[in-house]
Protein backbone atom coordinates (compact mmCIF):
# COMPACT_ATOMS: atom_id res chain seq x y z
CA MET A 1 -38.32 5.87 -23.89
CA PRO A 2 -40.07 8.86 -22.38
CA GLY A 3 -40.79 11.84 -24.56
CA LEU A 4 -40.45 10.09 -27.91
CA GLY A 5 -44.13 10.00 -28.64
CA VAL A 6 -47.52 11.32 -27.65
CA THR A 7 -50.10 9.13 -25.96
CA MET A 8 -53.49 9.65 -27.55
CA ALA A 9 -56.81 9.51 -25.70
CA ALA A 10 -57.37 5.90 -26.76
CA GLY A 11 -54.06 4.95 -25.11
CA ARG A 12 -52.23 4.46 -28.39
CA GLN A 13 -48.76 5.98 -28.61
CA VAL A 14 -47.87 7.92 -31.74
CA ARG A 15 -44.18 7.96 -32.62
CA MET A 16 -42.38 11.16 -33.51
CA LEU A 17 -41.23 11.14 -37.14
CA ALA A 18 -37.55 11.76 -37.84
CA SER A 19 -36.55 14.80 -39.84
CA VAL A 20 -33.81 15.00 -42.43
CA ALA A 21 -31.79 16.99 -39.88
CA ASP A 22 -32.17 14.15 -37.33
CA ARG A 23 -30.84 11.67 -39.89
CA ASP A 24 -27.97 13.98 -40.85
CA ARG A 25 -26.92 14.37 -37.20
CA ALA A 26 -26.97 10.61 -36.69
CA ILE A 27 -24.84 10.09 -39.79
CA ARG A 28 -22.32 12.69 -38.57
CA ILE A 29 -22.06 10.84 -35.24
CA LEU A 30 -21.49 7.58 -37.11
CA GLN A 31 -18.86 9.23 -39.33
CA GLU A 32 -16.99 10.49 -36.26
CA SER A 33 -17.13 7.03 -34.70
CA PHE A 34 -15.80 5.44 -37.89
CA VAL A 35 -12.95 7.95 -38.24
CA GLU A 36 -11.99 7.40 -34.59
CA GLY A 37 -11.89 3.63 -35.19
CA ARG A 38 -14.92 2.67 -33.10
CA LEU A 39 -16.84 1.23 -36.08
CA ALA A 40 -15.69 -1.16 -38.80
CA ILE A 41 -16.47 -0.19 -42.39
CA ASP A 42 -19.21 -2.81 -42.78
CA GLU A 43 -20.94 -1.81 -39.54
CA PHE A 44 -20.63 1.86 -40.48
CA GLY A 45 -22.31 1.16 -43.82
CA GLN A 46 -25.13 -0.81 -42.19
CA ARG A 47 -25.82 1.85 -39.58
CA VAL A 48 -25.78 4.68 -42.14
CA GLY A 49 -28.21 2.69 -44.28
CA LEU A 50 -30.52 2.23 -41.31
CA ALA A 51 -30.33 5.94 -40.45
CA ILE A 52 -31.31 6.85 -43.99
CA VAL A 53 -34.38 4.58 -44.10
CA SER A 54 -35.53 5.16 -40.49
CA ARG A 55 -38.93 6.77 -40.30
CA ASP A 56 -39.14 7.65 -36.62
CA PHE A 57 -36.78 9.41 -34.25
CA ARG A 58 -36.40 6.40 -31.96
CA ASN A 59 -34.93 4.31 -34.80
CA VAL A 60 -32.58 7.10 -35.89
CA ARG A 61 -31.35 7.57 -32.34
CA GLY A 62 -30.99 3.84 -31.77
CA GLY A 63 -28.66 3.48 -34.74
CA THR A 64 -25.98 5.52 -32.99
CA ARG A 65 -26.05 3.59 -29.71
CA GLY A 66 -23.01 1.60 -28.75
CA THR A 67 -20.57 3.65 -30.79
CA GLY A 68 -18.60 4.40 -27.62
CA GLY A 69 -18.42 8.09 -28.30
CA GLY A 70 -19.32 9.26 -24.83
CA ALA A 71 -22.20 11.67 -24.40
CA ARG A 72 -23.68 12.37 -27.82
CA GLN A 73 -26.68 14.55 -28.49
CA ILE A 74 -29.39 14.40 -31.07
CA ARG A 75 -32.02 17.11 -30.83
CA SER A 76 -35.53 16.73 -32.09
CA ALA A 77 -38.56 18.91 -31.54
CA GLY A 78 -36.58 21.09 -29.11
CA GLU A 79 -35.59 18.21 -26.83
CA VAL A 80 -32.05 17.05 -26.09
CA TRP A 81 -31.17 13.37 -25.69
CA GLU A 82 -27.81 12.36 -24.28
CA TRP A 83 -26.34 8.88 -23.98
């Protein structure tokens, strides 16, 4: 995924760490999806748990994929991601 890390001089990619705000936004998206009936209670609980323990932004963002909510946005480091 472009823009989710910085490539260092040695060619190694460093992942962007997720902030508390990133996790909170992901959980709000999951809550909306659950309330609208797009997630079962067990899947909702699993995805929220993953959002809480995710260390990097890519993992936080990935936990909200497939919720069927149309174009959702999570912002991190001034960038906007839509899916």
